[in-house]
């Protein structure tokens, strides 16, 4: 089973950071944070099946 708990916490923290950046008017920073989180989540999910120890 993919590490959903870890993935959830990572995404939650990224969203929180993006919201804080948005509140400061740092929209490009917020965008970069969300894109990086999305890419990390995809790598975790896709790569899960590739690791025989998972």
N, C-alpha and C. Protein backbone atom coordinates (compact mmCIF):
# COMPACT_ATOMS: atom_id res chain seq x y z
N UNK A 1 0.85 -1.19 0.00
CA UNK A 1 0.00 0.00 0.00
C UNK A 1 0.89 1.25 0.00
N UNK A 2 0.57 2.23 -0.84
CA UNK A 2 1.36 3.47 -0.86
C UNK A 2 1.33 4.16 0.51
N UNK A 3 2.36 4.93 0.81
CA UNK A 3 2.44 5.60 2.11
C UNK A 3 1.50 6.81 2.17
N UNK A 4 0.20 6.53 2.21
CA UNK A 4 -0.78 7.61 2.15
C UNK A 4 -0.65 8.60 3.30
N UNK A 5 -0.34 8.13 4.48
CA UNK A 5 -0.24 9.03 5.64
C UNK A 5 0.89 10.04 5.42
N UNK A 6 2.04 9.56 5.01
CA UNK A 6 3.18 10.45 4.74
C UNK A 6 2.84 11.41 3.60
N UNK A 7 2.19 10.89 2.57
CA UNK A 7 1.82 11.73 1.43
C UNK A 7 0.83 12.81 1.85
N UNK A 8 -0.12 12.45 2.69
CA UNK A 8 -1.11 13.42 3.17
C UNK A 8 -0.44 14.54 3.96
N UNK A 9 0.43 14.18 4.90
CA UNK A 9 1.10 15.20 5.71
C UNK A 9 1.97 16.11 4.85
N UNK A 10 2.66 15.52 3.88
CA UNK A 10 3.50 16.33 2.99
C UNK A 10 2.64 17.32 2.22
N UNK A 11 1.54 16.86 1.65
CA UNK A 11 0.66 17.73 0.88
C UNK A 11 0.01 18.79 1.76
N UNK A 12 -0.43 18.40 2.95
CA UNK A 12 -1.04 19.35 3.89
C UNK A 12 -0.06 20.47 4.21
N UNK A 13 1.19 20.12 4.50
CA UNK A 13 2.19 21.13 4.83
C UNK A 13 2.48 22.03 3.64
N UNK A 14 2.53 21.47 2.45
CA UNK A 14 2.77 22.28 1.26
C UNK A 14 1.62 23.26 1.03
N UNK A 15 0.41 22.79 1.21
CA UNK A 15 -0.75 23.67 1.04
C UNK A 15 -0.72 24.80 2.07
N UNK A 16 -0.38 24.47 3.30
CA UNK A 16 -0.27 25.49 4.35
C UNK A 16 0.79 26.52 3.99
N UNK A 17 1.95 26.06 3.52
CA UNK A 17 3.01 26.97 3.11
C UNK A 17 2.57 27.84 1.94
N UNK A 18 1.86 27.26 0.98
CA UNK A 18 1.38 28.01 -0.17
C UNK A 18 0.36 29.06 0.26
N UNK A 19 -0.51 28.72 1.19
CA UNK A 19 -1.48 29.70 1.69
C UNK A 19 -0.79 30.86 2.39
N UNK A 20 0.25 30.56 3.16
CA UNK A 20 1.00 31.62 3.84
C UNK A 20 1.69 32.52 2.82
N UNK A 21 2.25 31.92 1.77
CA UNK A 21 2.90 32.71 0.72
C UNK A 21 1.88 33.60 0.01
N UNK A 22 0.70 33.06 -0.25
CA UNK A 22 -0.36 33.82 -0.90
C UNK A 22 -0.79 35.00 -0.04
N UNK A 23 -0.90 34.77 1.26
CA UNK A 23 -1.29 35.84 2.18
C UNK A 23 -0.27 36.98 2.17
N UNK A 24 0.97 36.67 1.86
CA UNK A 24 2.03 37.69 1.77
C UNK A 24 2.12 38.30 0.37
N UNK A 25 1.28 37.81 -0.54
CA UNK A 25 1.32 38.31 -1.90
C UNK A 25 2.39 37.65 -2.76
N UNK A 26 2.95 36.57 -2.26
CA UNK A 26 4.02 35.86 -2.97
C UNK A 26 3.42 34.73 -3.80
N UNK A 27 2.73 35.12 -4.87
CA UNK A 27 1.97 34.16 -5.65
C UNK A 27 2.84 33.18 -6.43
N UNK A 28 3.97 33.64 -6.93
CA UNK A 28 4.86 32.74 -7.66
C UNK A 28 5.49 31.72 -6.71
N UNK A 29 5.78 32.13 -5.51
CA UNK A 29 6.31 31.21 -4.51
C UNK A 29 5.27 30.15 -4.18
N UNK A 30 4.03 30.58 -4.00
CA UNK A 30 2.95 29.64 -3.71
C UNK A 30 2.79 28.64 -4.85
N UNK A 31 2.86 29.13 -6.07
CA UNK A 31 2.75 28.26 -7.24
C UNK A 31 3.88 27.24 -7.26
N UNK A 32 5.10 27.68 -7.01
CA UNK A 32 6.24 26.76 -7.00
C UNK A 32 6.10 25.71 -5.90
N UNK A 33 5.62 26.11 -4.74
CA UNK A 33 5.42 25.17 -3.63
C UNK A 33 4.41 24.09 -4.03
N UNK A 34 3.31 24.49 -4.63
CA UNK A 34 2.27 23.54 -5.01
C UNK A 34 2.73 22.61 -6.13
N UNK A 35 3.44 23.15 -7.09
CA UNK A 35 3.95 22.30 -8.18
C UNK A 35 4.95 21.29 -7.64
N UNK A 36 5.85 21.73 -6.77
CA UNK A 36 6.83 20.80 -6.19
C UNK A 36 6.14 19.72 -5.38
N UNK A 37 5.11 20.08 -4.63
CA UNK A 37 4.38 19.09 -3.84
C UNK A 37 3.68 18.09 -4.75
N UNK A 38 3.07 18.57 -5.81
CA UNK A 38 2.40 17.68 -6.76
C UNK A 38 3.39 16.70 -7.36
N UNK A 39 4.55 17.19 -7.77
CA UNK A 39 5.56 16.32 -8.37
C UNK A 39 6.05 15.28 -7.37
N UNK A 40 6.27 15.70 -6.13
CA UNK A 40 6.72 14.77 -5.09
C UNK A 40 5.68 13.68 -4.85
N UNK A 41 4.41 14.11 -4.76
CA UNK A 41 3.33 13.15 -4.54
C UNK A 41 3.25 12.14 -5.68
N UNK A 42 3.35 12.62 -6.91
CA UNK A 42 3.30 11.73 -8.06
C UNK A 42 4.46 10.73 -8.04
N UNK A 43 5.65 11.20 -7.72
CA UNK A 43 6.81 10.32 -7.64
C UNK A 43 6.63 9.26 -6.56
N UNK A 44 6.07 9.65 -5.44
CA UNK A 44 5.84 8.70 -4.35
C UNK A 44 4.84 7.63 -4.78
N UNK A 45 3.77 8.07 -5.39
CA UNK A 45 2.70 7.14 -5.77
C UNK A 45 3.14 6.22 -6.90
N UNK A 46 3.72 6.80 -7.94
CA UNK A 46 4.14 6.01 -9.09
C UNK A 46 5.30 5.09 -8.72
N UNK A 47 6.23 5.61 -7.95
CA UNK A 47 7.42 4.82 -7.58
C UNK A 47 7.14 3.73 -6.56
N UNK A 48 5.99 3.78 -5.92
CA UNK A 48 5.70 2.80 -4.88
C UNK A 48 5.74 1.38 -5.42
N UNK A 49 5.14 1.14 -6.55
CA UNK A 49 5.07 -0.20 -7.12
C UNK A 49 6.39 -0.70 -7.65
N UNK A 50 7.38 0.18 -7.83
CA UNK A 50 8.68 -0.19 -8.36
C UNK A 50 9.62 -0.73 -7.29
N UNK A 51 9.30 -0.50 -6.02
CA UNK A 51 10.15 -0.92 -4.93
C UNK A 51 9.62 -2.26 -4.39
N UNK A 52 10.36 -3.35 -4.58
CA UNK A 52 9.86 -4.66 -4.11
C UNK A 52 9.73 -4.76 -2.60
N UNK A 53 10.40 -3.87 -1.84
CA UNK A 53 10.33 -3.90 -0.39
C UNK A 53 9.10 -3.17 0.14
N UNK A 54 8.36 -2.54 -0.74
CA UNK A 54 7.19 -1.73 -0.32
C UNK A 54 6.04 -2.61 0.10
